[in-house]
Amino acid sequence: MTDFTTVARPYANAVYELASQSDELDSWNDALSNLVNVVSDTQVSKLLSSPDMSKQQKSDLVLQVLADNLSEKQQNLVKLMAENGRLPLMADVLEQFEVTRAKAENKIEAEVVSAFELSAQQKDELANTLKNKLGCDITLTTTVDESLIGGVLIKAGDTIIDASMKSQLESLALSLGR
């Protein structure tokens, strides 16, 4: 999937500002999640990408499904994104909204991919190390990818730490190939 972060960020920032001013962060997060579910539905997604549908029809389609669950401002977001042909980017808007919210709340979600399952102690130590390094509260999610051979790959916001054996071996292979 192509990274549409740059296009989605202004929408997410505007939504965050609006939501934080009216103390409706949770409501907006729920609305964006529901919108992602609708626009990513196979049949809806197919219709939204159809050149035969007008921007108004695309907006109406999404609102027809969710209008009762969306505030007027949330419906306006749908209309604006439809007008600009951006409805398929709703998942990116949600992701950027969550990133912006986490930064404002001094929280960050870190994804750790390791070659082997991490123990509870290793997770705690890693979370504490990241908290000290990044200066914010850490929510840690872990997955296992045996293709890493050993070590870990950590993604925390804009920070990526690749301490995997796979990466080191690939780097070594590149340097030997010169």
N, C-alpha and C. Protein backbone atom coordinates (compact mmCIF):
# COMPACT_ATOMS: atom_id res chain seq x y z
N MET A 1 0.83 -1.17 0.00
CA MET A 1 0.00 0.00 0.00
C MET A 1 0.88 1.24 0.00
N THR A 2 0.51 2.22 -0.76
CA THR A 2 1.24 3.46 -0.84
C THR A 2 1.04 4.26 0.44
N ASP A 3 2.07 4.99 0.84
CA ASP A 3 1.99 5.79 2.06
C ASP A 3 1.41 7.16 1.73
N PHE A 4 0.21 7.41 2.22
CA PHE A 4 -0.48 8.68 1.97
C PHE A 4 -0.44 9.59 3.19
N THR A 5 0.57 9.41 4.03
CA THR A 5 0.69 10.17 5.26
C THR A 5 0.66 11.67 5.01
N THR A 6 1.38 12.13 4.03
CA THR A 6 1.47 13.56 3.75
C THR A 6 0.12 14.15 3.38
N VAL A 7 -0.67 13.41 2.64
CA VAL A 7 -1.99 13.89 2.23
C VAL A 7 -2.98 13.81 3.39
N ALA A 8 -2.87 12.77 4.21
CA ALA A 8 -3.81 12.55 5.31
C ALA A 8 -3.54 13.46 6.50
N ARG A 9 -2.30 13.85 6.70
CA ARG A 9 -1.93 14.61 7.90
C ARG A 9 -2.72 15.91 8.08
N PRO A 10 -2.91 16.75 7.04
CA PRO A 10 -3.69 17.98 7.27
C PRO A 10 -5.12 17.72 7.73
N TYR A 11 -5.76 16.69 7.20
CA TYR A 11 -7.11 16.33 7.64
C TYR A 11 -7.06 15.91 9.12
N ALA A 12 -6.10 15.05 9.44
CA ALA A 12 -5.98 14.54 10.81
C ALA A 12 -5.69 15.67 11.79
N ASN A 13 -4.81 16.58 11.41
CA ASN A 13 -4.48 17.70 12.30
C ASN A 13 -5.69 18.60 12.52
N ALA A 14 -6.43 18.86 11.46
CA ALA A 14 -7.64 19.70 11.58
C ALA A 14 -8.67 19.01 12.47
N VAL A 15 -8.86 17.72 12.27
CA VAL A 15 -9.81 16.97 13.09
C VAL A 15 -9.35 16.97 14.55
N TYR A 16 -8.06 16.78 14.77
CA TYR A 16 -7.55 16.78 16.14
C TYR A 16 -7.80 18.13 16.81
N GLU A 17 -7.51 19.21 16.12
CA GLU A 17 -7.72 20.55 16.69
C GLU A 17 -9.19 20.76 17.04
N LEU A 18 -10.05 20.39 16.12
CA LEU A 18 -11.49 20.54 16.35
C LEU A 18 -11.95 19.67 17.53
N ALA A 19 -11.49 18.44 17.55
CA ALA A 19 -11.88 17.50 18.60
C ALA A 19 -11.35 17.92 19.96
N SER A 20 -10.13 18.41 20.01
CA SER A 20 -9.56 18.79 21.30
C SER A 20 -10.20 20.07 21.83
N GLN A 21 -10.55 20.99 20.95
CA GLN A 21 -11.20 22.23 21.38
C GLN A 21 -12.57 21.95 21.99
N SER A 22 -13.26 20.97 21.46
CA SER A 22 -14.60 20.66 21.96
C SER A 22 -14.61 19.47 22.91
N ASP A 23 -13.40 19.01 23.30
CA ASP A 23 -13.25 17.87 24.21
C ASP A 23 -14.03 16.65 23.72
N GLU A 24 -13.86 16.34 22.43
CA GLU A 24 -14.56 15.21 21.82
C GLU A 24 -13.58 14.25 21.15
N LEU A 25 -12.41 14.07 21.75
CA LEU A 25 -11.39 13.22 21.15
C LEU A 25 -11.87 11.78 20.98
N ASP A 26 -12.51 11.24 21.99
CA ASP A 26 -12.99 9.85 21.90
C ASP A 26 -14.09 9.71 20.86
N SER A 27 -14.98 10.68 20.81
CA SER A 27 -16.07 10.65 19.83
C SER A 27 -15.51 10.68 18.40
N TRP A 28 -14.53 11.55 18.18
CA TRP A 28 -13.92 11.63 16.84
C TRP A 28 -13.14 10.36 16.52
N ASN A 29 -12.46 9.80 17.51
CA ASN A 29 -11.72 8.56 17.27
C ASN A 29 -12.69 7.44 16.85
N ASP A 30 -13.83 7.36 17.55
CA ASP A 30 -14.84 6.35 17.20
C ASP A 30 -15.40 6.60 15.81
N ALA A 31 -15.70 7.87 15.51
CA ALA A 31 -16.26 8.21 14.20
C ALA A 31 -15.29 7.86 13.08
N LEU A 32 -14.02 8.20 13.28
CA LEU A 32 -13.02 7.88 12.25
C LEU A 32 -12.88 6.36 12.09
N SER A 33 -12.91 5.64 13.18
CA SER A 33 -12.83 4.17 13.11
C SER A 33 -14.01 3.59 12.33
N ASN A 34 -15.20 4.11 12.61
CA ASN A 34 -16.38 3.66 11.88
C ASN A 34 -16.28 4.01 10.40
N LEU A 35 -15.79 5.20 10.10
CA LEU A 35 -15.62 5.61 8.70
C LEU A 35 -14.62 4.71 7.99
N VAL A 36 -13.54 4.35 8.68
CA VAL A 36 -12.55 3.43 8.08
C VAL A 36 -13.22 2.11 7.75
N ASN A 37 -14.03 1.60 8.67
CA ASN A 37 -14.72 0.33 8.42
C ASN A 37 -15.63 0.41 7.20
N VAL A 38 -16.31 1.53 7.04
CA VAL A 38 -17.22 1.67 5.90
C VAL A 38 -16.46 1.79 4.60
N VAL A 39 -15.50 2.72 4.53
CA VAL A 39 -14.81 2.95 3.25
C VAL A 39 -13.88 1.81 2.86
N SER A 40 -13.50 0.97 3.83
CA SER A 40 -12.64 -0.16 3.48
C SER A 40 -13.43 -1.42 3.16
N ASP A 41 -14.74 -1.38 3.35
CA ASP A 41 -15.59 -2.49 2.95
C ASP A 41 -15.40 -2.73 1.45
N THR A 42 -15.28 -3.95 1.06
CA THR A 42 -14.98 -4.30 -0.34
C THR A 42 -15.95 -3.67 -1.32
N GLN A 43 -17.24 -3.80 -1.06
CA GLN A 43 -18.23 -3.27 -1.99
C GLN A 43 -18.23 -1.74 -2.01
N VAL A 44 -18.14 -1.13 -0.83
CA VAL A 44 -18.12 0.33 -0.75
C VAL A 44 -16.86 0.87 -1.41
N SER A 45 -15.74 0.25 -1.13
CA SER A 45 -14.47 0.68 -1.71
C SER A 45 -14.51 0.64 -3.24
N LYS A 46 -15.13 -0.40 -3.76
CA LYS A 46 -15.27 -0.52 -5.22
C LYS A 46 -16.10 0.62 -5.78
N LEU A 47 -17.19 0.95 -5.09
CA LEU A 47 -18.05 2.05 -5.54
C LEU A 47 -17.33 3.40 -5.43
N LEU A 48 -16.56 3.58 -4.35
CA LEU A 48 -15.84 4.85 -4.16
C LEU A 48 -14.75 5.07 -5.21
N SER A 49 -14.24 4.00 -5.76
CA SER A 49 -13.21 4.13 -6.79
C SER A 49 -13.79 4.19 -8.20
N SER A 50 -15.10 4.08 -8.29
CA SER A 50 -15.76 4.10 -9.60
C SER A 50 -15.82 5.52 -10.17
N PRO A 51 -15.37 5.70 -11.40
CA PRO A 51 -15.46 7.02 -12.02
C PRO A 51 -16.90 7.37 -12.42
N ASP A 52 -17.80 6.39 -12.38
CA ASP A 52 -19.20 6.62 -12.75
C ASP A 52 -19.98 7.34 -11.65
N MET A 53 -19.45 7.33 -10.42
CA MET A 53 -20.14 7.98 -9.30
C MET A 53 -19.58 9.39 -9.12
N SER A 54 -20.47 10.34 -8.90
CA SER A 54 -20.03 11.71 -8.63
C SER A 54 -19.49 11.80 -7.21
N LYS A 55 -18.80 12.88 -6.93
CA LYS A 55 -18.28 13.10 -5.58
C LYS A 55 -19.43 13.19 -4.58
N GLN A 56 -20.51 13.81 -4.98
CA GLN A 56 -21.70 13.94 -4.13
C GLN A 56 -22.29 12.56 -3.83
N GLN A 57 -22.35 11.71 -4.85
CA GLN A 57 -22.90 10.36 -4.65
C GLN A 57 -22.02 9.55 -3.71
N LYS A 58 -20.72 9.74 -3.81
CA LYS A 58 -19.80 9.02 -2.93
C LYS A 58 -19.98 9.48 -1.49
N SER A 59 -20.12 10.77 -1.31
CA SER A 59 -20.37 11.32 0.02
C SER A 59 -21.69 10.78 0.57
N ASP A 60 -22.72 10.84 -0.27
CA ASP A 60 -24.05 10.36 0.14
C ASP A 60 -24.02 8.88 0.52
N LEU A 61 -23.25 8.09 -0.22
CA LEU A 61 -23.14 6.66 0.06
C LEU A 61 -22.60 6.42 1.47
N VAL A 62 -21.52 7.07 1.81
CA VAL A 62 -20.92 6.89 3.13
C VAL A 62 -21.85 7.41 4.21
N LEU A 63 -22.44 8.57 3.96
CA LEU A 63 -23.34 9.15 4.96
C LEU A 63 -24.62 8.34 5.13
N GLN A 64 -25.04 7.69 4.08
CA GLN A 64 -26.24 6.86 4.16
C GLN A 64 -26.02 5.72 5.16
N VAL A 65 -24.81 5.23 5.21
CA VAL A 65 -24.50 4.12 6.11
C VAL A 65 -24.32 4.62 7.55
N LEU A 66 -23.69 5.79 7.72
CA LEU A 66 -23.30 6.22 9.06
C LEU A 66 -23.92 7.51 9.59
N ALA A 67 -24.72 8.18 8.81
CA ALA A 67 -25.18 9.52 9.19
C ALA A 67 -25.76 9.60 10.60
N ASP A 68 -26.50 8.60 11.02
CA ASP A 68 -27.11 8.63 12.34
C ASP A 68 -26.06 8.56 13.46
N ASN A 69 -24.87 8.08 13.13
CA ASN A 69 -23.81 7.93 14.13
C ASN A 69 -22.76 9.03 14.05
N LEU A 70 -22.96 10.00 13.17
CA LEU A 70 -21.99 11.07 12.99
C LEU A 70 -22.59 12.42 13.33
N SER A 71 -21.79 13.25 13.98
CA SER A 71 -22.23 14.62 14.26
C SER A 71 -22.20 15.41 12.95
N GLU A 72 -22.72 16.61 13.00
CA GLU A 72 -22.73 17.45 11.81
C GLU A 72 -21.31 17.74 11.33
N LYS A 73 -20.41 17.99 12.27
CA LYS A 73 -19.01 18.27 11.90
C LYS A 73 -18.35 17.03 11.29
N GLN A 74 -18.67 15.87 11.82
CA GLN A 74 -18.12 14.63 11.28
C GLN A 74 -18.67 14.36 9.88
N GLN A 75 -19.93 14.69 9.67
CA GLN A 75 -20.51 14.55 8.33
C GLN A 75 -19.85 15.54 7.36
N ASN A 76 -19.52 16.72 7.86
CA ASN A 76 -18.82 17.70 7.02
C ASN A 76 -17.45 17.20 6.59
N LEU A 77 -16.77 16.47 7.47
CA LEU A 77 -15.48 15.87 7.10
C LEU A 77 -15.66 14.90 5.93
N VAL A 78 -16.70 14.08 6.01
CA VAL A 78 -16.98 13.12 4.93
C VAL A 78 -17.21 13.87 3.62
N LYS A 79 -18.01 14.92 3.68
CA LYS A 79 -18.31 15.70 2.47
C LYS A 79 -17.06 16.34 1.90
N LEU A 80 -16.23 16.90 2.78
CA LEU A 80 -14.99 17.54 2.33
C LEU A 80 -14.04 16.53 1.70
N MET A 81 -13.87 15.40 2.35
CA MET A 81 -12.97 14.38 1.81
C MET A 81 -13.50 13.80 0.51
N ALA A 82 -14.82 13.66 0.39
CA ALA A 82 -15.41 13.18 -0.86
C ALA A 82 -15.18 14.21 -1.97
N GLU A 83 -15.39 15.48 -1.65
CA GLU A 83 -15.19 16.55 -2.63
C GLU A 83 -13.76 16.57 -3.15
N ASN A 84 -12.80 16.26 -2.28
CA ASN A 84 -11.39 16.25 -2.67
C ASN A 84 -10.90 14.88 -3.13
N GLY A 85 -11.81 13.92 -3.23
CA GLY A 85 -11.44 12.58 -3.69
C GLY A 85 -10.56 11.84 -2.71
N ARG A 86 -10.73 12.10 -1.42
CA ARG A 86 -9.85 11.54 -0.39
C ARG A 86 -10.51 10.50 0.52
N LEU A 87 -11.73 10.10 0.26
CA LEU A 87 -12.38 9.12 1.13
C LEU A 87 -11.57 7.83 1.29
N PRO A 88 -10.92 7.34 0.24
CA PRO A 88 -10.13 6.11 0.43
C PRO A 88 -8.96 6.27 1.40
N LEU A 89 -8.63 7.50 1.78
CA LEU A 89 -7.51 7.74 2.70
C LEU A 89 -7.94 7.80 4.16
N MET A 90 -9.17 7.43 4.44
CA MET A 90 -9.71 7.54 5.80
C MET A 90 -8.85 6.78 6.81
N ALA A 91 -8.33 5.62 6.47
CA ALA A 91 -7.49 4.86 7.40
C ALA A 91 -6.22 5.64 7.73
N ASP A 92 -5.66 6.33 6.74
CA ASP A 92 -4.47 7.14 6.97
C ASP A 92 -4.79 8.34 7.86
N VAL A 93 -5.97 8.90 7.68
CA VAL A 93 -6.40 10.03 8.53
C VAL A 93 -6.54 9.56 9.97
N LEU A 94 -7.16 8.41 10.17
CA LEU A 94 -7.29 7.86 11.52
C LEU A 94 -5.92 7.62 12.14
N GLU A 95 -5.03 7.03 11.38
CA GLU A 95 -3.69 6.74 11.89
C GLU A 95 -2.97 8.03 12.30
N GLN A 96 -3.04 9.05 11.45
CA GLN A 96 -2.39 10.32 11.76
C GLN A 96 -3.07 11.04 12.93
N PHE A 97 -4.38 10.90 13.04
CA PHE A 97 -5.12 11.46 14.17
C PHE A 97 -4.61 10.84 15.47
N GLU A 98 -4.45 9.51 15.46
CA GLU A 98 -3.98 8.81 16.65
C GLU A 98 -2.54 9.19 16.99
N VAL A 99 -1.71 9.39 15.97
CA VAL A 99 -0.33 9.82 16.20
C VAL A 99 -0.31 11.21 16.83
N THR A 100 -1.11 12.12 16.28
CA THR A 100 -1.18 13.48 16.80
C THR A 100 -1.68 13.49 18.24
N ARG A 101 -2.70 12.69 18.48
CA ARG A 101 -3.26 12.61 19.85
C ARG A 101 -2.23 12.04 20.82
N ALA A 102 -1.54 11.01 20.41
CA ALA A 102 -0.53 10.40 21.28
C ALA A 102 0.59 11.40 21.60
N LYS A 103 1.01 12.16 20.61
CA LYS A 103 2.05 13.17 20.85
C LYS A 103 1.56 14.20 21.84
N ALA A 104 0.34 14.65 21.67
CA ALA A 104 -0.22 15.67 22.57
C ALA A 104 -0.34 15.13 23.99
N GLU A 105 -0.61 13.86 24.13
CA GLU A 105 -0.76 13.23 25.44
C GLU A 105 0.56 12.65 25.94
N ASN A 106 1.64 12.93 25.19
CA ASN A 106 2.99 12.44 25.51
C ASN A 106 3.03 10.92 25.62
N LYS A 107 2.38 10.27 24.67
CA LYS A 107 2.36 8.82 24.60
C LYS A 107 2.82 8.42 23.21
N ILE A 108 3.37 7.23 23.12
CA ILE A 108 3.75 6.72 21.81
C ILE A 108 3.56 5.20 21.81
N GLU A 109 3.14 4.70 20.68
CA GLU A 109 2.97 3.26 20.53
C GLU A 109 4.20 2.72 19.82
N ALA A 110 4.83 1.76 20.43
CA ALA A 110 6.03 1.16 19.85
C ALA A 110 5.71 -0.28 19.43
N GLU A 111 6.10 -0.58 18.22
CA GLU A 111 5.91 -1.94 17.70
C GLU A 111 7.27 -2.62 17.70
N VAL A 112 7.34 -3.76 18.35
CA VAL A 112 8.59 -4.51 18.43
C VAL A 112 8.39 -5.83 17.72
N VAL A 113 9.23 -6.06 16.71
CA VAL A 113 9.21 -7.33 15.99
C VAL A 113 10.50 -8.05 16.37
N SER A 114 10.37 -9.25 16.89
CA SER A 114 11.55 -10.00 17.32
C SER A 114 11.57 -11.38 16.67
N ALA A 115 12.74 -11.96 16.68
CA ALA A 115 12.89 -13.29 16.09
C ALA A 115 12.25 -14.36 16.98
N PHE A 116 12.18 -14.07 18.28
CA PHE A 116 11.61 -15.02 19.23
C PHE A 116 10.66 -14.27 20.16
N GLU A 117 9.78 -15.01 20.81
CA GLU A 117 8.84 -14.42 21.77
C GLU A 117 9.63 -13.78 22.91
N LEU A 118 9.27 -12.55 23.27
CA LEU A 118 9.93 -11.85 24.37
C LEU A 118 9.24 -12.19 25.69
N SER A 119 10.03 -12.31 26.73
CA SER A 119 9.47 -12.57 28.05
C SER A 119 8.87 -11.27 28.60
N ALA A 120 8.07 -11.39 29.64
CA ALA A 120 7.47 -10.21 30.27
C ALA A 120 8.55 -9.26 30.77
N GLN A 121 9.62 -9.82 31.33
CA GLN A 121 10.72 -9.00 31.84
C GLN A 121 11.41 -8.26 30.69
N GLN A 122 11.64 -8.93 29.57
CA GLN A 122 12.26 -8.28 28.42
C GLN A 122 11.38 -7.16 27.88
N LYS A 123 10.07 -7.39 27.85
CA LYS A 123 9.15 -6.36 27.39
C LYS A 123 9.19 -5.13 28.30
N ASP A 124 9.18 -5.39 29.62
CA ASP A 124 9.24 -4.30 30.58
C ASP A 124 10.53 -3.50 30.45
N GLU A 125 11.65 -4.21 30.33
CA GLU A 125 12.95 -3.54 30.19
C GLU A 125 13.00 -2.72 28.90
N LEU A 126 12.47 -3.28 27.83
CA LEU A 126 12.46 -2.59 26.54
C LEU A 126 11.56 -1.35 26.61
N ALA A 127 10.39 -1.47 27.23
CA ALA A 127 9.48 -0.34 27.38
C ALA A 127 10.13 0.77 28.21
N ASN A 128 10.80 0.40 29.30
CA ASN A 128 11.47 1.39 30.14
C ASN A 128 12.62 2.07 29.40
N THR A 129 13.38 1.31 28.64
CA THR A 129 14.48 1.88 27.86
C THR A 129 13.95 2.86 26.83
N LEU A 130 12.89 2.48 26.13
CA LEU A 130 12.29 3.38 25.14
C LEU A 130 11.69 4.62 25.80
N LYS A 131 11.08 4.44 26.96
CA LYS A 131 10.51 5.58 27.69
C LYS A 131 11.61 6.58 28.04
N ASN A 132 12.74 6.08 28.51
CA ASN A 132 13.86 6.96 28.85
C ASN A 132 14.46 7.62 27.61
N LYS A 133 14.56 6.87 26.53
CA LYS A 133 15.16 7.40 25.30
C LYS A 133 14.25 8.43 24.62
N LEU A 134 12.95 8.14 24.57
CA LEU A 134 12.02 9.00 23.84
C LEU A 134 11.32 10.03 24.72
N GLY A 135 11.40 9.84 26.03
CA GLY A 135 10.82 10.81 26.95
C GLY A 135 9.30 10.84 26.96
N CYS A 136 8.66 9.71 26.73
CA CYS A 136 7.20 9.67 26.79
C CYS A 136 6.75 8.27 27.19
N ASP A 137 5.48 8.17 27.56
CA ASP A 137 4.91 6.88 27.94
C ASP A 137 4.84 5.98 26.71
N ILE A 138 5.13 4.72 26.91
CA ILE A 138 5.20 3.75 25.81
C ILE A 138 4.11 2.69 25.95
N THR A 139 3.42 2.45 24.85
CA THR A 139 2.54 1.30 24.76
C THR A 139 3.22 0.34 23.80
N LEU A 140 3.55 -0.82 24.28
CA LEU A 140 4.36 -1.76 23.51
C LEU A 140 3.50 -2.88 22.93
N THR A 141 3.65 -3.12 21.63
CA THR A 141 3.04 -4.29 21.00
C THR A 141 4.17 -5.11 20.40
N THR A 142 4.08 -6.40 20.56
CA THR A 142 5.15 -7.27 20.06
C THR A 142 4.60 -8.31 19.10
N THR A 143 5.42 -8.64 18.12
CA THR A 143 5.12 -9.73 17.20
C THR A 143 6.40 -10.51 16.96
N VAL A 144 6.25 -11.71 16.47
CA VAL A 144 7.39 -12.57 16.19
C VAL A 144 7.53 -12.74 14.69
N ASP A 145 8.76 -12.57 14.19
CA ASP A 145 9.08 -12.81 12.79
C ASP A 145 10.39 -13.57 12.76
N GLU A 146 10.30 -14.88 12.58
CA GLU A 146 11.47 -15.74 12.63
C GLU A 146 12.48 -15.43 11.53
N SER A 147 12.04 -14.74 10.47
CA SER A 147 12.97 -14.42 9.38
C SER A 147 14.03 -13.40 9.81
N LEU A 148 13.85 -12.77 10.97
CA LEU A 148 14.85 -11.83 11.48
C LEU A 148 16.09 -12.56 11.97
N ILE A 149 16.00 -13.84 12.18
CA ILE A 149 17.06 -14.73 12.65
C ILE A 149 17.38 -14.49 14.12
N GLY A 150 17.59 -13.26 14.50
CA GLY A 150 17.87 -12.87 15.88
C GLY A 150 17.72 -11.37 16.00
N GLY A 151 17.67 -10.86 17.23
CA GLY A 151 17.56 -9.43 17.43
C GLY A 151 16.13 -8.93 17.31
N VAL A 152 16.00 -7.58 17.17
CA VAL A 152 14.69 -6.96 17.13
C VAL A 152 14.65 -5.83 16.11
N LEU A 153 13.44 -5.50 15.70
CA LEU A 153 13.15 -4.34 14.88
C LEU A 153 12.11 -3.54 15.66
N ILE A 154 12.44 -2.28 15.98
CA ILE A 154 11.56 -1.45 16.80
C ILE A 154 11.10 -0.25 15.99
N LYS A 155 9.79 -0.03 15.96
CA LYS A 155 9.22 1.15 15.32
C LYS A 155 8.44 1.91 16.39
N ALA A 156 8.91 3.11 16.69
CA ALA A 156 8.25 3.95 17.70
C ALA A 156 8.13 5.35 17.13
N GLY A 157 6.93 5.66 16.61
CA GLY A 157 6.75 6.96 15.97
C GLY A 157 7.64 7.08 14.74
N ASP A 158 8.46 8.12 14.70
CA ASP A 158 9.38 8.32 13.57
C ASP A 158 10.70 7.58 13.77
N THR A 159 10.88 6.94 14.90
CA THR A 159 12.12 6.25 15.22
C THR A 159 12.03 4.79 14.82
N ILE A 160 13.03 4.34 14.07
CA ILE A 160 13.11 2.93 13.70
C ILE A 160 14.50 2.44 14.10
N ILE A 161 14.51 1.38 14.88
CA ILE A 161 15.77 0.77 15.31
C ILE A 161 15.78 -0.65 14.78
N ASP A 162 16.70 -0.92 13.86
CA ASP A 162 16.80 -2.26 13.28
C ASP A 162 18.05 -2.93 13.83
N ALA A 163 17.86 -3.73 14.86
CA ALA A 163 18.96 -4.47 15.47
C ALA A 163 18.77 -5.96 15.21
N SER A 164 18.33 -6.29 14.00
CA SER A 164 18.09 -7.69 13.66
C SER A 164 19.31 -8.29 12.97
N MET A 165 19.47 -9.57 13.13
CA MET A 165 20.56 -10.29 12.46
C MET A 165 20.37 -10.25 10.96
N LYS A 166 19.13 -10.34 10.52
CA LYS A 166 18.84 -10.31 9.09
C LYS A 166 19.38 -9.03 8.47
N SER A 167 19.13 -7.90 9.10
CA SER A 167 19.60 -6.61 8.60
C SER A 167 21.12 -6.56 8.59
N GLN A 168 21.74 -7.06 9.64
CA GLN A 168 23.20 -7.05 9.72
C GLN A 168 23.82 -7.95 8.65
N LEU A 169 23.21 -9.10 8.39
CA LEU A 169 23.71 -10.00 7.35
C LEU A 169 23.54 -9.39 5.97
N GLU A 170 22.41 -8.71 5.72
CA GLU A 170 22.19 -8.05 4.44
C GLU A 170 23.20 -6.93 4.22
N SER A 171 23.50 -6.21 5.29
CA SER A 171 24.49 -5.14 5.21
C SER A 171 25.86 -5.71 4.91
N LEU A 172 26.19 -6.81 5.56
CA LEU A 172 27.47 -7.46 5.32
C LEU A 172 27.56 -7.96 3.88
N ALA A 173 26.50 -8.55 3.39
CA ALA A 173 26.47 -9.04 2.01
C ALA A 173 26.68 -7.90 1.02
N LEU A 174 26.07 -6.77 1.27
CA LEU A 174 26.24 -5.60 0.40
C LEU A 174 27.68 -5.11 0.41
N SER A 175 28.28 -5.07 1.59
CA SER A 175 29.67 -4.58 1.66
C SER A 175 30.65 -5.56 1.03
N LEU A 176 30.37 -6.84 1.08
CA LEU A 176 31.24 -7.85 0.46
C LEU A 176 31.07 -7.86 -1.06
N GLY A 177 29.92 -7.42 -1.53
CA GLY A 177 29.65 -7.42 -2.95
C GLY A 177 30.33 -6.29 -3.70
N ARG A 178 30.94 -5.37 -3.00
CA ARG A 178 31.57 -4.20 -3.64
C ARG A 178 32.92 -4.52 -4.17
